[in-house]
Amino acid sequence: MQIYWRHLRRGQRLIVDYDGTGQEEEVGGVRETKSGFDAFAKTFGYEPGRAQKGFPSVDVAKEFVESFRPW
């Protein structure tokens, strides 16, 4: 299993690659906004605590996303 950040046009996504077989799952992400950075961690249900806005830097936002361990 490999976990990495994929860069997109408007942010980054946290991806889990299961054993290099091409089976990937997006488990979170970060995007830049006018007021800072927004971050989210995906879940199977509704959990509002897994999304926050206004992080001062992309690194702080990425730490927030990585703190959830759905894998």
N, C-alpha and C. Protein backbone atom coordinates (compact mmCIF):
# COMPACT_ATOMS: atom_id res chain seq x y z
N MET A 1 0.85 -1.17 0.00
CA MET A 1 0.00 0.00 0.00
C MET A 1 0.90 1.24 0.00
N GLN A 2 0.54 2.20 -0.84
CA GLN A 2 1.28 3.45 -0.95
C GLN A 2 0.30 4.61 -0.77
N ILE A 3 0.70 5.60 0.02
CA ILE A 3 -0.12 6.79 0.25
C ILE A 3 0.65 7.99 -0.27
N TYR A 4 0.01 8.81 -1.12
CA TYR A 4 0.71 9.95 -1.70
C TYR A 4 -0.28 11.08 -2.00
N TRP A 5 0.26 12.28 -2.21
CA TRP A 5 -0.53 13.45 -2.58
C TRP A 5 -0.46 13.63 -4.09
N ARG A 6 -1.62 13.74 -4.74
CA ARG A 6 -1.71 13.99 -6.18
C ARG A 6 -2.06 15.47 -6.38
N HIS A 7 -1.25 16.16 -7.15
CA HIS A 7 -1.48 17.59 -7.41
C HIS A 7 -2.51 17.75 -8.52
N LEU A 8 -3.49 18.61 -8.27
CA LEU A 8 -4.52 18.94 -9.24
C LEU A 8 -4.49 20.44 -9.51
N ARG A 9 -5.29 20.88 -10.44
CA ARG A 9 -5.32 22.29 -10.81
C ARG A 9 -5.66 23.19 -9.62
N ARG A 10 -6.61 22.79 -8.78
CA ARG A 10 -7.06 23.65 -7.68
C ARG A 10 -6.74 23.08 -6.31
N GLY A 11 -5.75 22.21 -6.21
CA GLY A 11 -5.40 21.68 -4.90
C GLY A 11 -4.66 20.37 -5.00
N GLN A 12 -4.79 19.57 -3.94
CA GLN A 12 -4.13 18.27 -3.88
C GLN A 12 -5.10 17.26 -3.28
N ARG A 13 -4.94 16.00 -3.66
CA ARG A 13 -5.77 14.92 -3.13
C ARG A 13 -4.87 13.87 -2.52
N LEU A 14 -5.30 13.32 -1.38
CA LEU A 14 -4.57 12.24 -0.72
C LEU A 14 -5.10 10.92 -1.28
N ILE A 15 -4.21 10.13 -1.87
CA ILE A 15 -4.57 8.90 -2.58
C ILE A 15 -3.94 7.70 -1.89
N VAL A 16 -4.71 6.62 -1.77
CA VAL A 16 -4.18 5.34 -1.31
C VAL A 16 -4.15 4.42 -2.52
N ASP A 17 -2.97 3.87 -2.82
CA ASP A 17 -2.79 2.92 -3.92
C ASP A 17 -2.55 1.55 -3.28
N TYR A 18 -3.47 0.64 -3.52
CA TYR A 18 -3.39 -0.69 -2.92
C TYR A 18 -2.47 -1.59 -3.73
N ASP A 19 -1.26 -1.79 -3.25
CA ASP A 19 -0.29 -2.75 -3.79
C ASP A 19 0.08 -2.50 -5.24
N GLY A 20 -0.01 -1.28 -5.72
CA GLY A 20 0.42 -0.96 -7.07
C GLY A 20 -0.39 -1.62 -8.16
N THR A 21 -1.58 -2.09 -7.87
CA THR A 21 -2.41 -2.78 -8.85
C THR A 21 -3.26 -1.82 -9.67
N GLY A 22 -3.14 -0.53 -9.39
CA GLY A 22 -3.98 0.44 -10.08
C GLY A 22 -5.28 0.72 -9.36
N GLN A 23 -5.55 -0.04 -8.32
CA GLN A 23 -6.75 0.19 -7.51
C GLN A 23 -6.44 1.32 -6.52
N GLU A 24 -7.00 2.50 -6.78
CA GLU A 24 -6.73 3.67 -5.97
C GLU A 24 -8.01 4.16 -5.31
N GLU A 25 -7.83 4.84 -4.17
CA GLU A 25 -8.96 5.43 -3.48
C GLU A 25 -8.56 6.82 -2.98
N GLU A 26 -9.40 7.80 -3.25
CA GLU A 26 -9.17 9.15 -2.76
C GLU A 26 -9.73 9.23 -1.35
N VAL A 27 -8.89 9.60 -0.38
CA VAL A 27 -9.33 9.61 1.02
C VAL A 27 -9.38 11.01 1.62
N GLY A 28 -8.94 12.02 0.89
CA GLY A 28 -9.00 13.38 1.40
C GLY A 28 -8.44 14.36 0.41
N GLY A 29 -8.45 15.64 0.80
CA GLY A 29 -7.91 16.64 -0.10
C GLY A 29 -7.76 18.00 0.55
N VAL A 30 -7.06 18.87 -0.18
CA VAL A 30 -6.79 20.24 0.24
C VAL A 30 -6.95 21.12 -0.98
N ARG A 31 -7.54 22.32 -0.79
CA ARG A 31 -7.61 23.28 -1.89
C ARG A 31 -7.40 24.68 -1.36
N GLU A 32 -6.84 25.54 -2.20
CA GLU A 32 -6.58 26.92 -1.82
C GLU A 32 -7.80 27.78 -2.14
N THR A 33 -8.17 28.65 -1.21
CA THR A 33 -9.27 29.58 -1.39
C THR A 33 -8.78 30.99 -1.10
N LYS A 34 -9.65 31.97 -1.27
CA LYS A 34 -9.28 33.36 -0.99
C LYS A 34 -8.93 33.58 0.48
N SER A 35 -9.56 32.80 1.37
CA SER A 35 -9.36 33.01 2.82
C SER A 35 -8.37 32.03 3.44
N GLY A 36 -7.68 31.26 2.64
CA GLY A 36 -6.71 30.29 3.18
C GLY A 36 -6.84 28.96 2.46
N PHE A 37 -6.79 27.89 3.22
CA PHE A 37 -6.87 26.55 2.65
C PHE A 37 -8.01 25.78 3.30
N ASP A 38 -8.74 25.00 2.50
CA ASP A 38 -9.79 24.12 2.99
C ASP A 38 -9.29 22.70 2.90
N ALA A 39 -9.67 21.87 3.88
CA ALA A 39 -9.22 20.48 3.91
C ALA A 39 -10.40 19.58 4.25
N PHE A 40 -10.37 18.35 3.72
CA PHE A 40 -11.41 17.38 4.04
C PHE A 40 -10.84 15.97 4.03
N ALA A 41 -11.44 15.11 4.84
CA ALA A 41 -11.13 13.68 4.84
C ALA A 41 -12.43 12.95 4.53
N LYS A 42 -12.43 12.08 3.55
CA LYS A 42 -13.64 11.38 3.14
C LYS A 42 -14.05 10.33 4.17
N THR A 43 -15.37 10.14 4.30
CA THR A 43 -15.91 9.14 5.22
C THR A 43 -17.05 8.41 4.52
N PHE A 44 -17.56 7.39 5.18
CA PHE A 44 -18.71 6.67 4.64
C PHE A 44 -20.02 7.28 5.11
N GLY A 45 -19.97 8.07 6.15
CA GLY A 45 -21.16 8.72 6.69
C GLY A 45 -20.95 10.22 6.81
N TYR A 46 -21.89 10.88 7.45
CA TYR A 46 -21.81 12.33 7.62
C TYR A 46 -21.07 12.64 8.92
N GLU A 47 -19.89 13.21 8.80
CA GLU A 47 -19.10 13.61 9.96
C GLU A 47 -18.55 15.01 9.68
N PRO A 48 -19.24 16.05 10.14
CA PRO A 48 -18.81 17.41 9.82
C PRO A 48 -17.43 17.79 10.36
N GLY A 49 -16.92 17.08 11.35
CA GLY A 49 -15.60 17.38 11.89
C GLY A 49 -14.45 17.02 10.98
N ARG A 50 -14.75 16.35 9.88
CA ARG A 50 -13.69 15.95 8.95
C ARG A 50 -13.45 16.96 7.84
N ALA A 51 -14.05 18.13 7.96
CA ALA A 51 -13.82 19.20 6.98
C ALA A 51 -13.67 20.51 7.75
N GLN A 52 -12.66 21.27 7.39
CA GLN A 52 -12.43 22.57 8.02
C GLN A 52 -11.95 23.56 6.98
N LYS A 53 -12.22 24.83 7.25
CA LYS A 53 -11.81 25.90 6.34
C LYS A 53 -10.85 26.84 7.04
N GLY A 54 -10.11 27.60 6.24
CA GLY A 54 -9.30 28.70 6.75
C GLY A 54 -7.96 28.32 7.36
N PHE A 55 -7.36 27.24 6.90
CA PHE A 55 -6.02 26.89 7.37
C PHE A 55 -5.02 27.92 6.85
N PRO A 56 -4.01 28.29 7.63
CA PRO A 56 -3.07 29.32 7.20
C PRO A 56 -2.08 28.88 6.12
N SER A 57 -1.85 27.57 6.00
CA SER A 57 -0.91 27.08 4.98
C SER A 57 -1.34 25.71 4.49
N VAL A 58 -0.82 25.33 3.34
CA VAL A 58 -1.15 24.03 2.78
C VAL A 58 -0.59 22.91 3.65
N ASP A 59 0.54 23.13 4.28
CA ASP A 59 1.14 22.09 5.13
C ASP A 59 0.27 21.80 6.35
N VAL A 60 -0.28 22.83 6.97
CA VAL A 60 -1.17 22.63 8.12
C VAL A 60 -2.44 21.92 7.68
N ALA A 61 -2.98 22.29 6.52
CA ALA A 61 -4.18 21.64 6.00
C ALA A 61 -3.91 20.16 5.69
N LYS A 62 -2.75 19.87 5.13
CA LYS A 62 -2.40 18.48 4.82
C LYS A 62 -2.23 17.65 6.09
N GLU A 63 -1.67 18.24 7.14
CA GLU A 63 -1.55 17.53 8.42
C GLU A 63 -2.93 17.18 8.97
N PHE A 64 -3.90 18.08 8.81
CA PHE A 64 -5.27 17.81 9.25
C PHE A 64 -5.83 16.59 8.52
N VAL A 65 -5.68 16.55 7.20
CA VAL A 65 -6.21 15.43 6.41
C VAL A 65 -5.50 14.14 6.78
N GLU A 66 -4.19 14.18 6.93
CA GLU A 66 -3.42 12.97 7.24
C GLU A 66 -3.68 12.45 8.64
N SER A 67 -4.25 13.27 9.53
CA SER A 67 -4.51 12.82 10.89
C SER A 67 -5.63 11.79 10.96
N PHE A 68 -6.48 11.71 9.94
CA PHE A 68 -7.53 10.69 9.87
C PHE A 68 -6.95 9.46 9.20
N ARG A 69 -7.20 8.31 9.77
CA ARG A 69 -6.62 7.06 9.25
C ARG A 69 -7.71 6.11 8.77
N PRO A 70 -8.32 6.40 7.62
CA PRO A 70 -9.36 5.50 7.12
C PRO A 70 -8.80 4.24 6.46
N TRP A 71 -7.50 4.21 6.21
CA TRP A 71 -6.91 3.07 5.53
C TRP A 71 -6.47 2.09 6.51
